[in-house]
N, C-alpha and C. Protein backbone atom coordinates (compact mmCIF):
# COMPACT_ATOMS: atom_id res chain seq x y z
N UNK A 1 0.44 8.16 16.42
CA UNK A 1 0.24 9.30 15.55
C UNK A 1 1.33 9.36 14.48
N UNK A 2 2.56 9.10 14.89
CA UNK A 2 3.67 9.15 13.95
C UNK A 2 3.54 8.06 12.89
N UNK A 3 3.02 6.90 13.29
CA UNK A 3 2.81 5.80 12.34
C UNK A 3 1.81 6.23 11.27
N UNK A 4 0.74 6.89 11.67
CA UNK A 4 -0.27 7.35 10.71
C UNK A 4 0.35 8.33 9.73
N UNK A 5 1.19 9.23 10.22
CA UNK A 5 1.83 10.20 9.33
C UNK A 5 2.83 9.53 8.39
N UNK A 6 3.47 8.46 8.85
CA UNK A 6 4.40 7.74 7.97
C UNK A 6 3.65 6.98 6.88
N UNK A 7 2.44 6.53 7.19
CA UNK A 7 1.66 5.75 6.22
C UNK A 7 1.02 6.66 5.18
N UNK A 8 0.48 7.78 5.61
CA UNK A 8 -0.19 8.67 4.65
C UNK A 8 0.30 10.10 4.85
N UNK A 9 1.37 10.41 4.17
CA UNK A 9 1.91 11.73 4.34
C UNK A 9 2.60 12.29 3.13
N UNK A 10 2.58 11.58 2.03
CA UNK A 10 3.29 12.05 0.85
C UNK A 10 2.50 13.09 0.09
N UNK A 11 3.17 14.14 -0.32
CA UNK A 11 2.52 15.16 -1.13
C UNK A 11 2.43 14.72 -2.58
N UNK A 12 1.53 15.34 -3.32
CA UNK A 12 1.33 15.02 -4.73
C UNK A 12 2.61 15.34 -5.50
N UNK A 13 3.16 14.36 -6.18
CA UNK A 13 4.38 14.55 -6.95
C UNK A 13 5.65 14.43 -6.13
N UNK A 14 5.53 14.13 -4.85
CA UNK A 14 6.73 14.01 -4.02
C UNK A 14 7.37 12.64 -4.19
N UNK A 15 8.56 12.49 -3.65
CA UNK A 15 9.26 11.21 -3.72
C UNK A 15 8.95 10.34 -2.51
N UNK A 16 8.01 10.74 -1.70
CA UNK A 16 7.63 9.96 -0.53
C UNK A 16 7.06 8.62 -0.96
N UNK A 17 7.32 7.61 -0.14
CA UNK A 17 6.79 6.28 -0.45
C UNK A 17 5.49 6.00 0.29
N UNK A 18 5.02 6.96 1.05
CA UNK A 18 3.76 6.80 1.77
C UNK A 18 2.60 6.95 0.79
N UNK A 19 1.40 6.64 1.28
CA UNK A 19 0.21 6.86 0.46
C UNK A 19 0.08 8.37 0.27
N UNK A 20 0.04 8.80 -0.96
CA UNK A 20 -0.01 10.23 -1.26
C UNK A 20 -1.32 10.83 -0.74
N UNK A 21 -1.23 12.08 -0.31
CA UNK A 21 -2.40 12.76 0.25
C UNK A 21 -3.54 12.86 -0.76
N UNK A 22 -3.21 13.02 -2.04
CA UNK A 22 -4.26 13.09 -3.06
C UNK A 22 -5.06 11.79 -3.10
N UNK A 23 -4.38 10.65 -2.87
CA UNK A 23 -5.10 9.38 -2.83
C UNK A 23 -6.02 9.30 -1.63
N UNK A 24 -5.57 9.80 -0.49
CA UNK A 24 -6.42 9.82 0.71
C UNK A 24 -7.64 10.69 0.46
N UNK A 25 -7.44 11.84 -0.17
CA UNK A 25 -8.56 12.74 -0.47
C UNK A 25 -9.53 12.08 -1.45
N UNK A 26 -9.00 11.40 -2.47
CA UNK A 26 -9.86 10.71 -3.45
C UNK A 26 -10.67 9.62 -2.76
N UNK A 27 -10.05 8.86 -1.85
CA UNK A 27 -10.79 7.81 -1.14
C UNK A 27 -11.88 8.42 -0.27
N UNK A 28 -11.57 9.51 0.43
CA UNK A 28 -12.59 10.19 1.23
C UNK A 28 -13.73 10.70 0.37
N UNK A 29 -13.39 11.28 -0.77
CA UNK A 29 -14.41 11.77 -1.70
C UNK A 29 -15.24 10.61 -2.26
N UNK A 30 -14.59 9.46 -2.51
CA UNK A 30 -15.30 8.29 -3.03
C UNK A 30 -16.32 7.78 -2.02
N UNK A 31 -15.93 7.76 -0.76
CA UNK A 31 -16.88 7.33 0.29
C UNK A 31 -18.06 8.30 0.34
N UNK A 32 -17.77 9.59 0.31
CA UNK A 32 -18.83 10.61 0.31
C UNK A 32 -19.71 10.46 -0.91
N UNK A 33 -19.10 10.24 -2.08
CA UNK A 33 -19.82 10.08 -3.34
C UNK A 33 -20.73 8.87 -3.30
N UNK A 34 -20.24 7.74 -2.75
CA UNK A 34 -21.05 6.51 -2.70
C UNK A 34 -22.24 6.67 -1.75
N UNK A 35 -22.01 7.32 -0.63
CA UNK A 35 -23.12 7.55 0.32
C UNK A 35 -24.16 8.46 -0.32
N UNK A 36 -23.71 9.54 -0.94
CA UNK A 36 -24.63 10.48 -1.58
C UNK A 36 -25.40 9.80 -2.71
N UNK A 37 -24.69 8.98 -3.49
CA UNK A 37 -25.31 8.31 -4.63
C UNK A 37 -26.36 7.29 -4.20
N UNK A 38 -26.18 6.70 -3.02
CA UNK A 38 -27.14 5.69 -2.55
C UNK A 38 -28.53 6.29 -2.29
N UNK A 39 -28.60 7.60 -2.11
CA UNK A 39 -29.88 8.26 -1.87
C UNK A 39 -30.50 8.83 -3.14
N UNK A 40 -29.80 8.72 -4.25
CA UNK A 40 -30.29 9.28 -5.51
C UNK A 40 -30.77 8.17 -6.43
N UNK A 41 -31.61 8.50 -7.42
CA UNK A 41 -32.04 7.49 -8.39
C UNK A 41 -30.85 6.99 -9.21
N UNK A 42 -30.98 5.80 -9.77
CA UNK A 42 -29.90 5.19 -10.55
C UNK A 42 -29.48 6.03 -11.75
N UNK A 43 -30.39 6.74 -12.33
CA UNK A 43 -30.09 7.52 -13.53
C UNK A 43 -29.47 8.89 -13.23
N UNK A 44 -29.37 9.24 -11.96
CA UNK A 44 -28.80 10.54 -11.58
C UNK A 44 -27.31 10.59 -11.90
N UNK A 45 -26.87 11.74 -12.40
CA UNK A 45 -25.46 11.95 -12.71
C UNK A 45 -24.85 12.76 -11.57
N UNK A 46 -23.85 12.18 -10.95
CA UNK A 46 -23.21 12.82 -9.80
C UNK A 46 -21.70 12.79 -10.00
N UNK A 47 -21.12 13.90 -10.47
CA UNK A 47 -19.67 13.89 -10.70
C UNK A 47 -18.90 13.89 -9.38
N UNK A 48 -17.76 13.23 -9.39
CA UNK A 48 -16.87 13.22 -8.22
C UNK A 48 -15.65 14.05 -8.58
N UNK A 49 -15.57 15.26 -8.02
CA UNK A 49 -14.47 16.16 -8.34
C UNK A 49 -13.57 16.34 -7.13
N UNK A 50 -12.28 16.31 -7.42
CA UNK A 50 -11.26 16.59 -6.40
C UNK A 50 -10.27 17.56 -7.03
N UNK A 51 -10.10 18.70 -6.40
CA UNK A 51 -9.17 19.73 -6.88
C UNK A 51 -9.44 20.10 -8.33
N UNK A 52 -10.72 20.21 -8.69
CA UNK A 52 -11.10 20.62 -10.02
C UNK A 52 -11.05 19.54 -11.09
N UNK A 53 -10.60 18.36 -10.73
CA UNK A 53 -10.53 17.25 -11.69
C UNK A 53 -11.62 16.24 -11.37
N UNK A 54 -12.30 15.79 -12.41
CA UNK A 54 -13.35 14.80 -12.21
C UNK A 54 -12.76 13.40 -12.30
N UNK A 55 -13.11 12.56 -11.32
CA UNK A 55 -12.62 11.19 -11.27
C UNK A 55 -13.76 10.23 -11.57
N UNK A 56 -13.44 9.19 -12.34
CA UNK A 56 -14.44 8.17 -12.65
C UNK A 56 -14.54 7.20 -11.48
N UNK A 57 -15.60 6.42 -11.50
CA UNK A 57 -15.78 5.41 -10.46
C UNK A 57 -14.62 4.41 -10.48
N UNK A 58 -14.16 4.08 -11.66
CA UNK A 58 -13.04 3.13 -11.79
C UNK A 58 -11.76 3.70 -11.16
N UNK A 59 -11.48 4.97 -11.41
CA UNK A 59 -10.28 5.59 -10.83
C UNK A 59 -10.35 5.62 -9.31
N UNK A 60 -11.54 5.87 -8.78
CA UNK A 60 -11.71 5.88 -7.33
C UNK A 60 -11.51 4.48 -6.76
N UNK A 61 -12.01 3.47 -7.47
CA UNK A 61 -11.85 2.09 -7.02
C UNK A 61 -10.38 1.68 -7.07
N UNK A 62 -9.68 2.05 -8.14
CA UNK A 62 -8.25 1.73 -8.26
C UNK A 62 -7.45 2.36 -7.12
N UNK A 63 -7.81 3.57 -6.76
CA UNK A 63 -7.13 4.26 -5.65
C UNK A 63 -7.38 3.53 -4.34
N UNK A 64 -8.60 3.09 -4.12
CA UNK A 64 -8.93 2.36 -2.90
C UNK A 64 -8.21 1.01 -2.87
N UNK A 65 -8.13 0.33 -4.00
CA UNK A 65 -7.43 -0.96 -4.07
C UNK A 65 -5.95 -0.76 -3.78
N UNK A 66 -5.36 0.29 -4.33
CA UNK A 66 -3.95 0.59 -4.06
C UNK A 66 -3.72 0.78 -2.57
N UNK A 67 -4.56 1.58 -1.93
CA UNK A 67 -4.41 1.83 -0.49
C UNK A 67 -4.60 0.54 0.31
N UNK A 68 -5.55 -0.29 -0.11
CA UNK A 68 -5.78 -1.56 0.58
C UNK A 68 -4.55 -2.46 0.49
N UNK A 69 -3.99 -2.60 -0.71
CA UNK A 69 -2.80 -3.45 -0.89
C UNK A 69 -1.63 -2.88 -0.09
N UNK A 70 -1.49 -1.56 -0.08
CA UNK A 70 -0.43 -0.92 0.69
C UNK A 70 -0.55 -1.30 2.17
N UNK A 71 -1.77 -1.23 2.69
CA UNK A 71 -1.98 -1.57 4.11
C UNK A 71 -1.78 -3.06 4.38
N UNK A 72 -2.15 -3.91 3.43
CA UNK A 72 -1.94 -5.36 3.60
C UNK A 72 -0.44 -5.66 3.69
N UNK A 73 0.35 -5.06 2.80
CA UNK A 73 1.80 -5.26 2.84
C UNK A 73 2.37 -4.72 4.15
N UNK A 74 1.88 -3.58 4.58
CA UNK A 74 2.33 -2.97 5.84
C UNK A 74 2.06 -3.89 7.02
N UNK A 75 0.86 -4.41 7.10
CA UNK A 75 0.48 -5.30 8.21
C UNK A 75 1.24 -6.62 8.12
N UNK A 76 1.43 -7.15 6.92
CA UNK A 76 2.19 -8.39 6.77
C UNK A 76 3.62 -8.21 7.27
N UNK A 77 4.22 -7.08 6.95
CA UNK A 77 5.57 -6.79 7.43
C UNK A 77 5.61 -6.67 8.94
N UNK A 78 4.60 -6.03 9.51
CA UNK A 78 4.53 -5.90 10.97
C UNK A 78 4.35 -7.27 11.63
N UNK A 79 3.56 -8.14 11.01
CA UNK A 79 3.36 -9.49 11.56
C UNK A 79 4.67 -10.27 11.56
N UNK A 80 5.45 -10.15 10.49
CA UNK A 80 6.75 -10.83 10.45
C UNK A 80 7.62 -10.35 11.61
N UNK A 81 7.64 -9.06 11.85
CA UNK A 81 8.44 -8.53 12.96
C UNK A 81 7.88 -8.97 14.31
N UNK A 82 6.57 -9.08 14.42
CA UNK A 82 5.97 -9.56 15.68
C UNK A 82 6.32 -11.02 15.92
N UNK A 83 6.39 -11.82 14.85
CA UNK A 83 6.76 -13.22 15.00
C UNK A 83 8.20 -13.38 15.48
N UNK A 84 8.98 -12.33 15.36
CA UNK A 84 10.36 -12.33 15.85
C UNK A 84 10.43 -11.78 17.28
N UNK A 85 9.31 -11.85 17.98
CA UNK A 85 9.19 -11.44 19.39
C UNK A 85 9.40 -9.95 19.63
N UNK A 86 8.90 -9.12 18.73
CA UNK A 86 8.93 -7.68 18.94
C UNK A 86 7.54 -7.21 19.33
N UNK A 87 7.42 -6.15 20.12
CA UNK A 87 6.11 -5.63 20.50
C UNK A 87 5.31 -5.16 19.28
N UNK A 88 3.99 -5.20 19.41
CA UNK A 88 3.10 -4.85 18.29
C UNK A 88 3.34 -3.44 17.77
N UNK A 89 3.35 -2.46 18.65
CA UNK A 89 3.49 -1.07 18.20
C UNK A 89 4.87 -0.81 17.60
N UNK A 90 5.90 -1.41 18.18
CA UNK A 90 7.25 -1.24 17.63
C UNK A 90 7.34 -1.88 16.25
N UNK A 91 6.71 -3.04 16.08
CA UNK A 91 6.72 -3.72 14.79
C UNK A 91 5.98 -2.90 13.74
N UNK A 92 4.85 -2.33 14.12
CA UNK A 92 4.09 -1.49 13.20
C UNK A 92 4.88 -0.23 12.84
N UNK A 93 5.55 0.35 13.82
CA UNK A 93 6.37 1.55 13.59
C UNK A 93 7.49 1.24 12.59
N UNK A 94 8.21 0.16 12.82
CA UNK A 94 9.32 -0.21 11.94
C UNK A 94 8.82 -0.53 10.53
N UNK A 95 7.69 -1.22 10.46
CA UNK A 95 7.11 -1.59 9.18
C UNK A 95 6.70 -0.34 8.39
N UNK A 96 6.04 0.59 9.05
CA UNK A 96 5.62 1.83 8.40
C UNK A 96 6.83 2.66 7.98
N UNK A 97 7.85 2.68 8.81
CA UNK A 97 9.06 3.43 8.50
C UNK A 97 9.77 2.84 7.28
N UNK A 98 9.85 1.53 7.22
CA UNK A 98 10.52 0.88 6.09
C UNK A 98 9.74 1.07 4.80
N UNK A 99 8.43 0.82 4.84
CA UNK A 99 7.62 0.91 3.63
C UNK A 99 7.50 2.34 3.14
N UNK A 100 7.47 3.28 4.06
CA UNK A 100 7.39 4.69 3.67
C UNK A 100 8.76 5.29 3.40
N UNK A 101 9.82 4.48 3.56
CA UNK A 101 11.20 4.95 3.39
C UNK A 101 11.47 6.20 4.21
N UNK A 102 11.03 6.17 5.46
CA UNK A 102 11.16 7.31 6.37
C UNK A 102 12.54 7.32 7.02
N UNK A 103 12.99 6.17 7.51
CA UNK A 103 14.31 6.07 8.11
C UNK A 103 14.33 6.11 9.62
N UNK A 104 13.18 6.21 10.25
CA UNK A 104 13.12 6.21 11.71
C UNK A 104 13.11 4.78 12.23
N UNK A 105 13.59 4.59 13.45
CA UNK A 105 13.58 3.27 14.05
C UNK A 105 13.40 3.39 15.56
N UNK A 106 12.84 2.35 16.13
CA UNK A 106 12.72 2.28 17.59
C UNK A 106 13.76 1.31 18.15
N UNK A 107 14.66 0.84 17.30
CA UNK A 107 15.74 -0.03 17.75
C UNK A 107 15.66 -1.46 17.27
N UNK A 108 14.56 -1.82 16.61
CA UNK A 108 14.42 -3.19 16.11
C UNK A 108 15.37 -3.41 14.93
N UNK A 109 15.43 -2.44 14.04
CA UNK A 109 16.27 -2.56 12.85
C UNK A 109 17.73 -2.37 13.25
N UNK A 110 18.52 -3.41 13.02
CA UNK A 110 19.95 -3.34 13.32
C UNK A 110 20.67 -4.43 12.53
N UNK A 111 21.98 -4.43 12.62
CA UNK A 111 22.78 -5.44 11.92
C UNK A 111 22.56 -6.83 12.50
N UNK A 112 22.12 -6.90 13.75
CA UNK A 112 21.92 -8.20 14.40
C UNK A 112 20.49 -8.72 14.25
N UNK A 113 19.69 -8.03 13.49
CA UNK A 113 18.31 -8.44 13.28
C UNK A 113 18.28 -9.79 12.55
N UNK A 114 17.34 -10.68 12.91
CA UNK A 114 17.24 -11.97 12.20
C UNK A 114 16.99 -11.77 10.70
N UNK A 115 17.43 -12.73 9.90
CA UNK A 115 17.34 -12.64 8.45
C UNK A 115 15.91 -12.43 7.96
N UNK A 116 14.94 -13.09 8.58
CA UNK A 116 13.53 -12.95 8.16
C UNK A 116 13.08 -11.50 8.30
N UNK A 117 13.49 -10.84 9.36
CA UNK A 117 13.13 -9.43 9.56
C UNK A 117 13.79 -8.54 8.52
N UNK A 118 15.05 -8.82 8.22
CA UNK A 118 15.76 -8.02 7.21
C UNK A 118 15.11 -8.16 5.84
N UNK A 119 14.80 -9.40 5.46
CA UNK A 119 14.17 -9.64 4.16
C UNK A 119 12.81 -8.95 4.09
N UNK A 120 12.04 -9.05 5.17
CA UNK A 120 10.73 -8.41 5.21
C UNK A 120 10.84 -6.90 5.02
N UNK A 121 11.77 -6.28 5.72
CA UNK A 121 11.94 -4.83 5.60
C UNK A 121 12.49 -4.43 4.23
N UNK A 122 13.37 -5.25 3.66
CA UNK A 122 13.89 -4.96 2.32
C UNK A 122 12.76 -4.99 1.29
N UNK A 123 11.91 -6.01 1.39
CA UNK A 123 10.77 -6.11 0.47
C UNK A 123 9.85 -4.91 0.64
N UNK A 124 9.60 -4.52 1.89
CA UNK A 124 8.73 -3.36 2.12
C UNK A 124 9.34 -2.08 1.57
N UNK A 125 10.65 -1.92 1.72
CA UNK A 125 11.31 -0.73 1.17
C UNK A 125 11.18 -0.69 -0.34
N UNK A 126 11.37 -1.83 -0.99
CA UNK A 126 11.23 -1.88 -2.45
C UNK A 126 9.80 -1.61 -2.89
N UNK A 127 8.85 -2.25 -2.21
CA UNK A 127 7.43 -2.05 -2.56
C UNK A 127 7.03 -0.60 -2.33
N UNK A 128 7.50 -0.01 -1.25
CA UNK A 128 7.18 1.39 -0.98
C UNK A 128 7.80 2.32 -2.00
N UNK A 129 9.05 2.08 -2.35
CA UNK A 129 9.76 2.98 -3.25
C UNK A 129 9.28 2.87 -4.69
N UNK A 130 9.07 1.63 -5.14
CA UNK A 130 8.66 1.42 -6.53
C UNK A 130 7.15 1.51 -6.72
N UNK A 131 6.43 1.55 -5.65
CA UNK A 131 4.97 1.49 -5.59
C UNK A 131 4.50 0.07 -5.89
N UNK A 132 3.33 -0.23 -5.44
CA UNK A 132 2.85 -1.60 -5.41
C UNK A 132 2.50 -2.14 -6.79
N UNK A 133 1.81 -1.36 -7.59
CA UNK A 133 1.33 -1.85 -8.89
C UNK A 133 2.49 -2.27 -9.80
N UNK A 134 3.56 -1.48 -9.96
CA UNK A 134 4.67 -1.95 -10.78
C UNK A 134 5.33 -3.22 -10.24
N UNK A 135 5.43 -3.35 -8.93
CA UNK A 135 6.02 -4.56 -8.34
C UNK A 135 5.15 -5.77 -8.64
N UNK A 136 3.83 -5.63 -8.48
CA UNK A 136 2.91 -6.74 -8.78
C UNK A 136 2.97 -7.08 -10.27
N UNK A 137 3.04 -6.08 -11.13
CA UNK A 137 3.13 -6.33 -12.57
C UNK A 137 4.43 -7.07 -12.91
N UNK A 138 5.53 -6.68 -12.29
CA UNK A 138 6.82 -7.34 -12.53
C UNK A 138 6.78 -8.79 -12.04
N UNK A 139 6.23 -9.01 -10.85
CA UNK A 139 6.13 -10.38 -10.33
C UNK A 139 5.23 -11.24 -11.21
N UNK A 140 4.14 -10.67 -11.70
CA UNK A 140 3.25 -11.40 -12.61
C UNK A 140 3.98 -11.79 -13.89
N UNK A 141 4.80 -10.88 -14.40
CA UNK A 141 5.59 -11.15 -15.60
C UNK A 141 6.57 -12.29 -15.34
N UNK A 142 7.26 -12.24 -14.19
CA UNK A 142 8.21 -13.30 -13.86
C UNK A 142 7.53 -14.65 -13.70
N UNK A 143 6.39 -14.67 -13.05
CA UNK A 143 5.65 -15.92 -12.85
C UNK A 143 5.18 -16.48 -14.19
N UNK A 144 4.76 -15.61 -15.10
CA UNK A 144 4.31 -16.06 -16.42
C UNK A 144 5.46 -16.66 -17.23
N UNK A 145 6.68 -16.21 -16.98
CA UNK A 145 7.84 -16.70 -17.72
C UNK A 145 8.40 -18.01 -17.18
N UNK A 146 7.96 -18.43 -16.00
CA UNK A 146 8.44 -19.69 -15.42
C UNK A 146 7.89 -20.84 -16.26
N UNK A 147 8.79 -21.70 -16.76
CA UNK A 147 8.29 -22.83 -17.57
C UNK A 147 7.51 -23.81 -16.72
N UNK A 148 6.41 -24.24 -17.26
CA UNK A 148 5.57 -25.19 -16.55
C UNK A 148 5.78 -26.58 -17.16
N UNK A 149 5.78 -27.60 -16.33
CA UNK A 149 5.95 -28.95 -16.88
C UNK A 149 4.75 -29.33 -17.74
N UNK A 150 5.05 -29.96 -18.85
CA UNK A 150 3.97 -30.38 -19.74
C UNK A 150 3.36 -31.67 -19.22
N UNK A 151 2.05 -31.74 -19.34
CA UNK A 151 1.37 -32.96 -18.94
C UNK A 151 1.34 -33.91 -20.13
N UNK A 152 1.67 -35.15 -19.85
CA UNK A 152 1.66 -36.16 -20.90
C UNK A 152 0.25 -36.70 -21.07
N UNK A 153 -0.18 -36.85 -22.31
CA UNK A 153 -1.51 -37.42 -22.52
C UNK A 153 -1.52 -38.90 -22.12
N UNK A 154 -2.66 -39.37 -21.72
CA UNK A 154 -2.77 -40.77 -21.27
C UNK A 154 -2.62 -41.71 -22.39
């Protein structure tokens, strides 16, 4: 239960690194909207409103993609910790705590932790704090700036 709250517990406009509650509400509304829309004709207009604001289909999809990437990073971090012979639930707890910048631990995180675990948690803390999209954009920029070897013509 605590892991779920660490993953999705940030208030709108808060400094929490968890998935903001407004995003969870938008995803829930998007699922409801898609189910409702599947029973209506293609030409039907069905607005998706959350808290008085209308969201486009693209905005709902972007929110879902953000949550998906957040969960992928979370699970990847937990897998790294599991590969270091930690129990599944403890690894998930530590991963959620690091990515959400919560600060709780079950004892895995320590000065004696293997380097792979430390690097994994550091990356998760950065991704959680800076949010995923800016980190991906920055990495894409860095990759684009890497010089590529030129191919010589035959």
